[in-house]
Amino acid sequence: MERVILLTSTVKPYIGGFAGTVEKRLQEYEDAISYYLQETTFDIVVVDNSNYLFRNSNKRLRSYAFLADPEDFKYGKGFGEAKIISYAFKHDAGLQKAEQVIK
């Protein structure tokens, strides 16, 4: 069974009041990516809506980045999450073919 892990991220949020710092958020995302690369055999797709592109030489990691429309934030985190997921499926062929997506 073809399984793919989908990680969504916002390294640099437009709005203030988010938990921690940009550096802390980035470290947490990188730690998660490293964990899944070490502990699983699944491909990993990471999509960031603050235009941060994760770099890693591992062939199992595919990273995408785009800049969300600032107006999207007024609709809440769930709306932004849905847009990231939609972007991922539109741009990653492996995700489109996966039998199971782990979010």
PDB file of N, CA and C in Angstrom:
ATOM      1  N   MET A   1       0.850  -1.185   0.000  1.00  0.00           N
ATOM      2  CA  MET A   1       0.000   0.000   0.000  1.00  0.00           C
ATOM      3  C   MET A   1       0.891   1.243   0.000  1.00  0.00           C
ATOM      4  N   GLU A   2       0.625   2.140  -0.911  1.00  0.00           N
ATOM      5  CA  GLU A   2       1.375   3.389  -1.015  1.00  0.00           C
ATOM      6  C   GLU A   2       0.842   4.389   0.007  1.00  0.00           C
ATOM      7  N   ARG A   3       1.691   4.729   0.975  1.00  0.00           N
ATOM      8  CA  ARG A   3       1.317   5.697   2.010  1.00  0.00           C
ATOM      9  C   ARG A   3       2.223   6.906   1.915  1.00  0.00           C
ATOM     10  N   VAL A   4       1.640   8.074   2.119  1.00  0.00           N
ATOM     11  CA  VAL A   4       2.383   9.324   2.102  1.00  0.00           C
ATOM     12  C   VAL A   4       1.992  10.125   3.340  1.00  0.00           C
ATOM     13  N   ILE A   5       3.006  10.705   3.986  1.00  0.00           N
ATOM     14  CA  ILE A   5       2.754  11.602   5.117  1.00  0.00           C
ATOM     15  C   ILE A   5       2.662  13.022   4.567  1.00  0.00           C
ATOM     16  N   LEU A   6       1.610  13.726   4.937  1.00  0.00           N
ATOM     17  CA  LEU A   6       1.426  15.120   4.537  1.00  0.00           C
ATOM     18  C   LEU A   6       1.569  16.006   5.776  1.00  0.00           C
ATOM     19  N   LEU A   7       2.576  16.883   5.734  1.00  0.00           N
ATOM     20  CA  LEU A   7       2.781  17.851   6.808  1.00  0.00           C
ATOM     21  C   LEU A   7       2.490  19.243   6.262  1.00  0.00           C
ATOM     22  N   THR A   8       1.653  19.972   6.967  1.00  0.00           N
ATOM     23  CA  THR A   8       1.359  21.348   6.586  1.00  0.00           C
ATOM     24  C   THR A   8       2.068  22.272   7.568  1.00  0.00           C
ATOM     25  N   SER A   9       2.487  23.431   7.078  1.00  0.00           N
ATOM     26  CA  SER A   9       3.199  24.344   7.973  1.00  0.00           C
ATOM     27  C   SER A   9       2.965  25.798   7.601  1.00  0.00           C
ATOM     28  N   THR A  10       3.181  26.627   8.602  1.00  0.00           N
ATOM     29  CA  THR A  10       3.226  28.075   8.435  1.00  0.00           C
ATOM     30  C   THR A  10       4.397  28.534   9.302  1.00  0.00           C
ATOM     31  N   VAL A  11       5.563  28.582   8.710  1.00  0.00           N
ATOM     32  CA  VAL A  11       6.757  28.946   9.478  1.00  0.00           C
ATOM     33  C   VAL A  11       6.694  30.400   9.917  1.00  0.00           C
ATOM     34  N   LYS A  12       6.271  31.273   9.013  1.00  0.00           N
ATOM     35  CA  LYS A  12       6.249  32.715   9.303  1.00  0.00           C
ATOM     36  C   LYS A  12       4.828  33.262   9.157  1.00  0.00           C
ATOM     37  N   PRO A  13       4.020  33.158  10.197  1.00  0.00           N
ATOM     38  CA  PRO A  13       2.631  33.641  10.104  1.00  0.00           C
ATOM     39  C   PRO A  13       2.559  35.153   9.859  1.00  0.00           C
ATOM     40  N   TYR A  14       1.523  35.565   9.147  1.00  0.00           N
ATOM     41  CA  TYR A  14       1.276  36.993   8.915  1.00  0.00           C
ATOM     42  C   TYR A  14       0.904  37.714  10.202  1.00  0.00           C
ATOM     43  N   ILE A  15       0.168  37.022  11.022  1.00  0.00           N
ATOM     44  CA  ILE A  15      -0.410  37.675  12.191  1.00  0.00           C
ATOM     45  C   ILE A  15       0.402  37.394  13.446  1.00  0.00           C
ATOM     46  N   GLY A  16       0.354  38.322  14.362  1.00  0.00           N
ATOM     47  CA  GLY A  16       1.026  38.135  15.641  1.00  0.00           C
ATOM     48  C   GLY A  16       0.187  37.268  16.545  1.00  0.00           C
ATOM     49  N   GLY A  17       0.703  37.031  17.720  1.00  0.00           N
ATOM     50  CA  GLY A  17      -0.046  36.257  18.692  1.00  0.00           C
ATOM     51  C   GLY A  17       0.072  34.760  18.506  1.00  0.00           C
ATOM     52  N   PHE A  18       0.969  34.320  17.613  1.00  0.00           N
ATOM     53  CA  PHE A  18       1.144  32.879  17.445  1.00  0.00           C
ATOM     54  C   PHE A  18       2.117  32.366  18.505  1.00  0.00           C
ATOM     55  N   ALA A  19       2.056  31.101  18.748  1.00  0.00           N
ATOM     56  CA  ALA A  19       2.868  30.489  19.807  1.00  0.00           C
ATOM     57  C   ALA A  19       4.348  30.510  19.445  1.00  0.00           C
ATOM     58  N   GLY A  20       5.173  30.948  20.365  1.00  0.00           N
ATOM     59  CA  GLY A  20       6.623  30.885  20.189  1.00  0.00           C
ATOM     60  C   GLY A  20       7.175  31.919  19.234  1.00  0.00           C
ATOM     61  N   THR A  21       8.283  31.558  18.611  1.00  0.00           N
ATOM     62  CA  THR A  21       8.965  32.424  17.651  1.00  0.00           C
ATOM     63  C   THR A  21       9.063  31.701  16.317  1.00  0.00           C
ATOM     64  N   VAL A  22       9.412  32.436  15.285  1.00  0.00           N
ATOM     65  CA  VAL A  22       9.608  31.820  13.969  1.00  0.00           C
ATOM     66  C   VAL A  22      10.693  30.750  14.066  1.00  0.00           C
ATOM     67  N   GLU A  23      11.760  31.032  14.774  1.00  0.00           N
ATOM     68  CA  GLU A  23      12.857  30.077  14.916  1.00  0.00           C
ATOM     69  C   GLU A  23      12.390  28.795  15.614  1.00  0.00           C
ATOM     70  N   LYS A  24      11.582  28.953  16.655  1.00  0.00           N
ATOM     71  CA  LYS A  24      11.067  27.787  17.384  1.00  0.00           C
ATOM     72  C   LYS A  24      10.120  26.975  16.500  1.00  0.00           C
ATOM     73  N   ARG A  25       9.258  27.657  15.761  1.00  0.00           N
ATOM     74  CA  ARG A  25       8.339  26.958  14.855  1.00  0.00           C
ATOM     75  C   ARG A  25       9.137  26.173  13.809  1.00  0.00           C
ATOM     76  N   LEU A  26      10.136  26.828  13.224  1.00  0.00           N
ATOM     77  CA  LEU A  26      10.957  26.174  12.208  1.00  0.00           C
ATOM     78  C   LEU A  26      11.640  24.932  12.779  1.00  0.00           C
ATOM     79  N   GLN A  27      12.201  25.051  13.973  1.00  0.00           N
ATOM     80  CA  GLN A  27      12.872  23.904  14.601  1.00  0.00           C
ATOM     81  C   GLN A  27      11.892  22.757  14.846  1.00  0.00           C
ATOM     82  N   GLU A  28      10.684  23.085  15.287  1.00  0.00           N
ATOM     83  CA  GLU A  28       9.684  22.037  15.526  1.00  0.00           C
ATOM     84  C   GLU A  28       9.307  21.316  14.235  1.00  0.00           C
ATOM     85  N   TYR A  29       9.145  22.065  13.143  1.00  0.00           N
ATOM     86  CA  TYR A  29       8.837  21.436  11.856  1.00  0.00           C
ATOM     87  C   TYR A  29      10.003  20.563  11.397  1.00  0.00           C
ATOM     88  N   GLU A  30      11.230  21.080  11.509  1.00  0.00           N
ATOM     89  CA  GLU A  30      12.396  20.309  11.087  1.00  0.00           C
ATOM     90  C   GLU A  30      12.558  19.043  11.931  1.00  0.00           C
ATOM     91  N   ASP A  31      12.276  19.143  13.229  1.00  0.00           N
ATOM     92  CA  ASP A  31      12.338  17.960  14.097  1.00  0.00           C
ATOM     93  C   ASP A  31      11.308  16.913  13.660  1.00  0.00           C
ATOM     94  N   ALA A  32      10.113  17.355  13.313  1.00  0.00           N
ATOM     95  CA  ALA A  32       9.068  16.424  12.867  1.00  0.00           C
ATOM     96  C   ALA A  32       9.479  15.737  11.564  1.00  0.00           C
ATOM     97  N   ILE A  33      10.012  16.512  10.639  1.00  0.00           N
ATOM     98  CA  ILE A  33      10.464  15.946   9.364  1.00  0.00           C
ATOM     99  C   ILE A  33      11.552  14.910   9.608  1.00  0.00           C
ATOM    100  N   SER A  34      12.530  15.247  10.423  1.00  0.00           N
ATOM    101  CA  SER A  34      13.623  14.321  10.733  1.00  0.00           C
ATOM    102  C   SER A  34      13.088  13.042  11.376  1.00  0.00           C
ATOM    103  N   TYR A  35      12.160  13.193  12.295  1.00  0.00           N
ATOM    104  CA  TYR A  35      11.568  12.031  12.969  1.00  0.00           C
ATOM    105  C   TYR A  35      10.924  11.087  11.952  1.00  0.00           C
ATOM    106  N   TYR A  36      10.078  11.632  11.084  1.00  0.00           N
ATOM    107  CA  TYR A  36       9.377  10.782  10.122  1.00  0.00           C
ATOM    108  C   TYR A  36      10.318  10.169   9.090  1.00  0.00           C
ATOM    109  N   LEU A  37      11.376  10.881   8.732  1.00  0.00           N
ATOM    110  CA  LEU A  37      12.360  10.303   7.819  1.00  0.00           C
ATOM    111  C   LEU A  37      13.104   9.140   8.472  1.00  0.00           C
ATOM    112  N   GLN A  38      13.387   9.261   9.758  1.00  0.00           N
ATOM    113  CA  GLN A  38      14.134   8.217  10.470  1.00  0.00           C
ATOM    114  C   GLN A  38      13.252   7.039  10.877  1.00  0.00           C
ATOM    115  N   GLU A  39      12.014   7.320  11.271  1.00  0.00           N
ATOM    116  CA  GLU A  39      11.175   6.288  11.884  1.00  0.00           C
ATOM    117  C   GLU A  39      10.174   5.628  10.941  1.00  0.00           C
ATOM    118  N   THR A  40      10.072   6.115   9.719  1.00  0.00           N
ATOM    119  CA  THR A  40       9.151   5.505   8.759  1.00  0.00           C
ATOM    120  C   THR A  40       9.859   5.288   7.429  1.00  0.00           C
ATOM    121  N   THR A  41       9.187   4.580   6.548  1.00  0.00           N
ATOM    122  CA  THR A  41       9.695   4.398   5.187  1.00  0.00           C
ATOM    123  C   THR A  41       8.825   5.154   4.183  1.00  0.00           C
ATOM    124  N   PHE A  42       7.894   5.950   4.683  1.00  0.00           N
ATOM    125  CA  PHE A  42       6.939   6.648   3.821  1.00  0.00           C
ATOM    126  C   PHE A  42       7.561   7.905   3.197  1.00  0.00           C
ATOM    127  N   ASP A  43       7.064   8.256   2.019  1.00  0.00           N
ATOM    128  CA  ASP A  43       7.398   9.556   1.448  1.00  0.00           C
ATOM    129  C   ASP A  43       6.730  10.625   2.305  1.00  0.00           C
ATOM    130  N   ILE A  44       7.343  11.801   2.321  1.00  0.00           N
ATOM    131  CA  ILE A  44       6.824  12.910   3.113  1.00  0.00           C
ATOM    132  C   ILE A  44       6.674  14.125   2.209  1.00  0.00           C
ATOM    133  N   VAL A  45       5.494  14.712   2.231  1.00  0.00           N
ATOM    134  CA  VAL A  45       5.220  15.934   1.489  1.00  0.00           C
ATOM    135  C   VAL A  45       4.985  17.038   2.514  1.00  0.00           C
ATOM    136  N   VAL A  46       5.772  18.106   2.410  1.00  0.00           N
ATOM    137  CA  VAL A  46       5.636  19.249   3.313  1.00  0.00           C
ATOM    138  C   VAL A  46       5.222  20.453   2.474  1.00  0.00           C
ATOM    139  N   VAL A  47       4.153  21.123   2.904  1.00  0.00           N
ATOM    140  CA  VAL A  47       3.687  22.316   2.196  1.00  0.00           C
ATOM    141  C   VAL A  47       3.570  23.453   3.207  1.00  0.00           C
ATOM    142  N   ASP A  48       4.239  24.560   2.897  1.00  0.00           N
ATOM    143  CA  ASP A  48       4.229  25.723   3.774  1.00  0.00           C
ATOM    144  C   ASP A  48       3.530  26.889   3.072  1.00  0.00           C
ATOM    145  N   ASN A  49       2.617  27.552   3.783  1.00  0.00           N
ATOM    146  CA  ASN A  49       1.883  28.663   3.173  1.00  0.00           C
ATOM    147  C   ASN A  49       2.450  30.035   3.537  1.00  0.00           C
ATOM    148  N   SER A  50       3.679  30.051   4.079  1.00  0.00           N
ATOM    149  CA  SER A  50       4.339  31.342   4.320  1.00  0.00           C
ATOM    150  C   SER A  50       5.576  31.463   3.432  1.00  0.00           C
ATOM    151  N   ASN A  51       5.595  30.646   2.392  1.00  0.00           N
ATOM    152  CA  ASN A  51       6.625  30.665   1.352  1.00  0.00           C
ATOM    153  C   ASN A  51       7.989  30.177   1.838  1.00  0.00           C
ATOM    154  N   TYR A  52       7.996  29.327   2.866  1.00  0.00           N
ATOM    155  CA  TYR A  52       9.245  28.743   3.337  1.00  0.00           C
ATOM    156  C   TYR A  52       9.402  27.362   2.709  1.00  0.00           C
ATOM    157  N   LEU A  53      10.500  27.156   2.021  1.00  0.00           N
ATOM    158  CA  LEU A  53      10.754  25.884   1.361  1.00  0.00           C
ATOM    159  C   LEU A  53      11.758  25.083   2.187  1.00  0.00           C
ATOM    160  N   PHE A  54      11.328  23.944   2.702  1.00  0.00           N
ATOM    161  CA  PHE A  54      12.206  23.078   3.478  1.00  0.00           C
ATOM    162  C   PHE A  54      13.175  22.378   2.536  1.00  0.00           C
ATOM    163  N   ARG A  55      14.433  22.365   2.918  1.00  0.00           N
ATOM    164  CA  ARG A  55      15.462  21.731   2.092  1.00  0.00           C
ATOM    165  C   ARG A  55      16.026  20.520   2.827  1.00  0.00           C
ATOM    166  N   ASN A  56      16.138  19.419   2.083  1.00  0.00           N
ATOM    167  CA  ASN A  56      16.681  18.201   2.647  1.00  0.00           C
ATOM    168  C   ASN A  56      17.068  17.322   1.468  1.00  0.00           C
ATOM    169  N   SER A  57      18.190  16.676   1.562  1.00  0.00           N
ATOM    170  CA  SER A  57      18.670  15.863   0.436  1.00  0.00           C
ATOM    171  C   SER A  57      17.995  14.489   0.351  1.00  0.00           C
ATOM    172  N   ASN A  58      17.178  14.147   1.326  1.00  0.00           N
ATOM    173  CA  ASN A  58      16.511  12.849   1.313  1.00  0.00           C
ATOM    174  C   ASN A  58      15.481  12.802   0.178  1.00  0.00           C
ATOM    175  N   LYS A  59      15.575  11.779  -0.643  1.00  0.00           N
ATOM    176  CA  LYS A  59      14.678  11.663  -1.804  1.00  0.00           C
ATOM    177  C   LYS A  59      13.234  11.390  -1.429  1.00  0.00           C
ATOM    178  N   ARG A  60      13.000  10.985  -0.186  1.00  0.00           N
ATOM    179  CA  ARG A  60      11.626  10.730   0.265  1.00  0.00           C
ATOM    180  C   ARG A  60      10.895  12.012   0.654  1.00  0.00           C
ATOM    181  N   LEU A  61      11.615  13.119   0.742  1.00  0.00           N
ATOM    182  CA  LEU A  61      10.998  14.386   1.144  1.00  0.00           C
ATOM    183  C   LEU A  61      10.756  15.263  -0.080  1.00  0.00           C
ATOM    184  N   ARG A  62       9.507  15.711  -0.203  1.00  0.00           N
ATOM    185  CA  ARG A  62       9.156  16.675  -1.251  1.00  0.00           C
ATOM    186  C   ARG A  62       8.561  17.886  -0.560  1.00  0.00           C
ATOM    187  N   SER A  63       9.085  19.061  -0.877  1.00  0.00           N
ATOM    188  CA  SER A  63       8.670  20.284  -0.202  1.00  0.00           C
ATOM    189  C   SER A  63       8.114  21.286  -1.206  1.00  0.00           C
ATOM    190  N   TYR A  64       7.038  21.933  -0.808  1.00  0.00           N
ATOM    191  CA  TYR A  64       6.399  22.958  -1.632  1.00  0.00           C
ATOM    192  C   TYR A  64       6.138  24.176  -0.761  1.00  0.00           C
ATOM    193  N   ALA A  65       6.138  25.328  -1.395  1.00  0.00           N
ATOM    194  CA  ALA A  65       5.876  26.560  -0.653  1.00  0.00           C
ATOM    195  C   ALA A  65       5.085  27.519  -1.526  1.00  0.00           C
ATOM    196  N   PHE A  66       4.190  28.239  -0.893  1.00  0.00           N
ATOM    197  CA  PHE A  66       3.451  29.301  -1.570  1.00  0.00           C
ATOM    198  C   PHE A  66       3.124  30.355  -0.525  1.00  0.00           C
ATOM    199  N   LEU A  67       2.771  31.516  -0.984  1.00  0.00           N
ATOM    200  CA  LEU A  67       2.428  32.605  -0.073  1.00  0.00           C
ATOM    201  C   LEU A  67       0.918  32.750  -0.039  1.00  0.00           C
ATOM    202  N   ALA A  68       0.357  32.478   1.123  1.00  0.00           N
ATOM    203  CA  ALA A  68      -1.095  32.574   1.290  1.00  0.00           C
ATOM    204  C   ALA A  68      -1.554  34.019   1.133  1.00  0.00           C
ATOM    205  N   ASP A  69      -2.760  34.179   0.689  1.00  0.00           N
ATOM    206  CA  ASP A  69      -3.381  35.493   0.600  1.00  0.00           C
ATOM    207  C   ASP A  69      -3.638  35.990   2.031  1.00  0.00           C
ATOM    208  N   PRO A  70      -3.164  37.182   2.382  1.00  0.00           N
ATOM    209  CA  PRO A  70      -3.381  37.678   3.745  1.00  0.00           C
ATOM    210  C   PRO A  70      -4.861  37.717   4.140  1.00  0.00           C
ATOM    211  N   GLU A  71      -5.735  37.848   3.179  1.00  0.00           N
ATOM    212  CA  GLU A  71      -7.172  37.861   3.460  1.00  0.00           C
ATOM    213  C   GLU A  71      -7.670  36.513   3.992  1.00  0.00           C
ATOM    214  N   ASP A  72      -6.961  35.434   3.639  1.00  0.00           N
ATOM    215  CA  ASP A  72      -7.371  34.100   4.085  1.00  0.00           C
ATOM    216  C   ASP A  72      -7.375  33.977   5.597  1.00  0.00           C
ATOM    217  N   PHE A  73      -6.514  34.715   6.261  1.00  0.00           N
ATOM    218  CA  PHE A  73      -6.368  34.572   7.709  1.00  0.00           C
ATOM    219  C   PHE A  73      -7.605  35.027   8.482  1.00  0.00           C
ATOM    220  N   LYS A  74      -8.414  35.858   7.864  1.00  0.00           N
ATOM    221  CA  LYS A  74      -9.617  36.289   8.568  1.00  0.00           C
ATOM    222  C   LYS A  74     -10.662  35.173   8.673  1.00  0.00           C
ATOM    223  N   TYR A  75     -10.476  34.101   7.891  1.00  0.00           N
ATOM    224  CA  TYR A  75     -11.407  32.972   7.929  1.00  0.00           C
ATOM    225  C   TYR A  75     -10.971  31.878   8.915  1.00  0.00           C
ATOM    226  N   GLY A  76      -9.814  32.051   9.526  1.00  0.00           N
ATOM    227  CA  GLY A  76      -9.356  31.112  10.548  1.00  0.00           C
ATOM    228  C   GLY A  76      -8.358  30.086  10.045  1.00  0.00           C
ATOM    229  N   LYS A  77      -7.787  29.355  11.010  1.00  0.00           N
ATOM    230  CA  LYS A  77      -6.739  28.371  10.702  1.00  0.00           C
ATOM    231  C   LYS A  77      -7.257  27.212   9.854  1.00  0.00           C
ATOM    232  N   GLY A  78      -8.480  26.790  10.093  1.00  0.00           N
ATOM    233  CA  GLY A  78      -9.032  25.670   9.335  1.00  0.00           C
ATOM    234  C   GLY A  78      -9.113  25.972   7.850  1.00  0.00           C
ATOM    235  N   PHE A  79      -9.466  27.201   7.520  1.00  0.00           N
ATOM    236  CA  PHE A  79      -9.544  27.616   6.117  1.00  0.00           C
ATOM    237  C   PHE A  79      -8.158  27.568   5.479  1.00  0.00           C
ATOM    238  N   GLY A  80      -7.165  28.087   6.205  1.00  0.00           N
ATOM    239  CA  GLY A  80      -5.795  28.060   5.703  1.00  0.00           C
ATOM    240  C   GLY A  80      -5.283  26.640   5.531  1.00  0.00           C
ATOM    241  N   GLU A  81      -5.625  25.776   6.482  1.00  0.00           N
ATOM    242  CA  GLU A  81      -5.223  24.368   6.420  1.00  0.00           C
ATOM    243  C   GLU A  81      -5.815  23.705   5.177  1.00  0.00           C
ATOM    244  N   ALA A  82      -7.070  23.972   4.898  1.00  0.00           N
ATOM    245  CA  ALA A  82      -7.723  23.396   3.716  1.00  0.00           C
ATOM    246  C   ALA A  82      -7.048  23.863   2.431  1.00  0.00           C
ATOM    247  N   LYS A  83      -6.640  25.117   2.393  1.00  0.00           N
ATOM    248  CA  LYS A  83      -5.958  25.633   1.197  1.00  0.00           C
ATOM    249  C   LYS A  83      -4.590  24.979   1.008  1.00  0.00           C
ATOM    250  N   ILE A  84      -3.884  24.731   2.113  1.00  0.00           N
ATOM    251  CA  ILE A  84      -2.584  24.059   2.026  1.00  0.00           C
ATOM    252  C   ILE A  84      -2.771  22.638   1.497  1.00  0.00           C
ATOM    253  N   ILE A  85      -3.754  21.928   2.025  1.00  0.00           N
ATOM    254  CA  ILE A  85      -4.010  20.552   1.591  1.00  0.00           C
ATOM    255  C   ILE A  85      -4.394  20.525   0.113  1.00  0.00           C
ATOM    256  N   SER A  86      -5.238  21.441  -0.296  1.00  0.00           N
ATOM    257  CA  SER A  86      -5.624  21.534  -1.704  1.00  0.00           C
ATOM    258  C   SER A  86      -4.398  21.780  -2.587  1.00  0.00           C
ATOM    259  N   TYR A  87      -3.542  22.689  -2.164  1.00  0.00           N
ATOM    260  CA  TYR A  87      -2.310  22.994  -2.910  1.00  0.00           C
ATOM    261  C   TYR A  87      -1.451  21.730  -3.036  1.00  0.00           C
ATOM    262  N   ALA A  88      -1.322  20.988  -1.940  1.00  0.00           N
ATOM    263  CA  ALA A  88      -0.511  19.771  -1.945  1.00  0.00           C
ATOM    264  C   ALA A  88      -1.014  18.776  -2.988  1.00  0.00           C
ATOM    265  N   PHE A  89      -2.320  18.534  -3.005  1.00  0.00           N
ATOM    266  CA  PHE A  89      -2.874  17.562  -3.944  1.00  0.00           C
ATOM    267  C   PHE A  89      -2.777  18.037  -5.386  1.00  0.00           C
ATOM    268  N   LYS A  90      -2.839  19.333  -5.615  1.00  0.00           N
ATOM    269  CA  LYS A  90      -2.722  19.860  -6.981  1.00  0.00           C
ATOM    270  C   LYS A  90      -1.306  19.751  -7.519  1.00  0.00           C
ATOM    271  N   HIS A  91      -0.299  19.810  -6.632  1.00  0.00           N
ATOM    272  CA  HIS A  91       1.081  19.917  -7.090  1.00  0.00           C
ATOM    273  C   HIS A  91       1.933  18.664  -6.916  1.00  0.00           C
ATOM    274  N   ASP A  92       1.487  17.686  -6.165  1.00  0.00           N
ATOM    275  CA  ASP A  92       2.323  16.517  -5.923  1.00  0.00           C
ATOM    276  C   ASP A  92       1.677  15.255  -6.496  1.00  0.00           C
ATOM    277  N   ALA A  93       2.288  14.723  -7.542  1.00  0.00           N
ATOM    278  CA  ALA A  93       1.747  13.538  -8.213  1.00  0.00           C
ATOM    279  C   ALA A  93       1.741  12.317  -7.300  1.00  0.00           C
ATOM    280  N   GLY A  94       2.756  12.179  -6.456  1.00  0.00           N
ATOM    281  CA  GLY A  94       2.804  11.044  -5.538  1.00  0.00           C
ATOM    282  C   GLY A  94       1.660  11.061  -4.544  1.00  0.00           C
ATOM    283  N   LEU A  95       1.302  12.235  -4.102  1.00  0.00           N
ATOM    284  CA  LEU A  95       0.180  12.383  -3.175  1.00  0.00           C
ATOM    285  C   LEU A  95      -1.133  12.022  -3.879  1.00  0.00           C
ATOM    286  N   GLN A  96      -1.256  12.412  -5.125  1.00  0.00           N
ATOM    287  CA  GLN A  96      -2.461  12.100  -5.895  1.00  0.00           C
ATOM    288  C   GLN A  96      -2.633  10.594  -6.090  1.00  0.00           C
ATOM    289  N   LYS A  97      -1.524   9.864  -6.191  1.00  0.00           N
ATOM    290  CA  LYS A  97      -1.571   8.421  -6.436  1.00  0.00           C
ATOM    291  C   LYS A  97      -1.630   7.596  -5.147  1.00  0.00           C
ATOM    292  N   ALA A  98      -1.377   8.218  -4.025  1.00  0.00           N
ATOM    293  CA  ALA A  98      -1.302   7.479  -2.749  1.00  0.00           C
ATOM    294  C   ALA A  98      -2.611   6.789  -2.427  1.00  0.00           C
ATOM    295  N   GLU A  99      -2.504   5.599  -1.887  1.00  0.00           N
ATOM    296  CA  GLU A  99      -3.680   4.881  -1.414  1.00  0.00           C
ATOM    297  C   GLU A  99      -4.112   5.354  -0.030  1.00  0.00           C
ATOM    298  N   GLN A 100      -3.130   5.869   0.707  1.00  0.00           N
ATOM    299  CA  GLN A 100      -3.418   6.369   2.053  1.00  0.00           C
ATOM    300  C   GLN A 100      -2.546   7.589   2.315  1.00  0.00           C
ATOM    301  N   VAL A 101      -3.173   8.654   2.834  1.00  0.00           N
ATOM    302  CA  VAL A 101      -2.461   9.871   3.217  1.00  0.00           C
ATOM    303  C   VAL A 101      -2.571  10.009   4.724  1.00  0.00           C
ATOM    304  N   ILE A 102      -1.428  10.166   5.355  1.00  0.00           N
ATOM    305  CA  ILE A 102      -1.373  10.329   6.801  1.00  0.00           C
ATOM    306  C   ILE A 102      -1.120  11.808   7.074  1.00  0.00           C
ATOM    307  N   LYS A 103      -2.071  12.422   7.748  1.00  0.00           N
ATOM    308  CA  LYS A 103      -1.973  13.851   8.045  1.00  0.00           C
ATOM    309  C   LYS A 103      -1.706  14.036   9.501  1.00  0.00           C
TER     310      LYS A 103
END
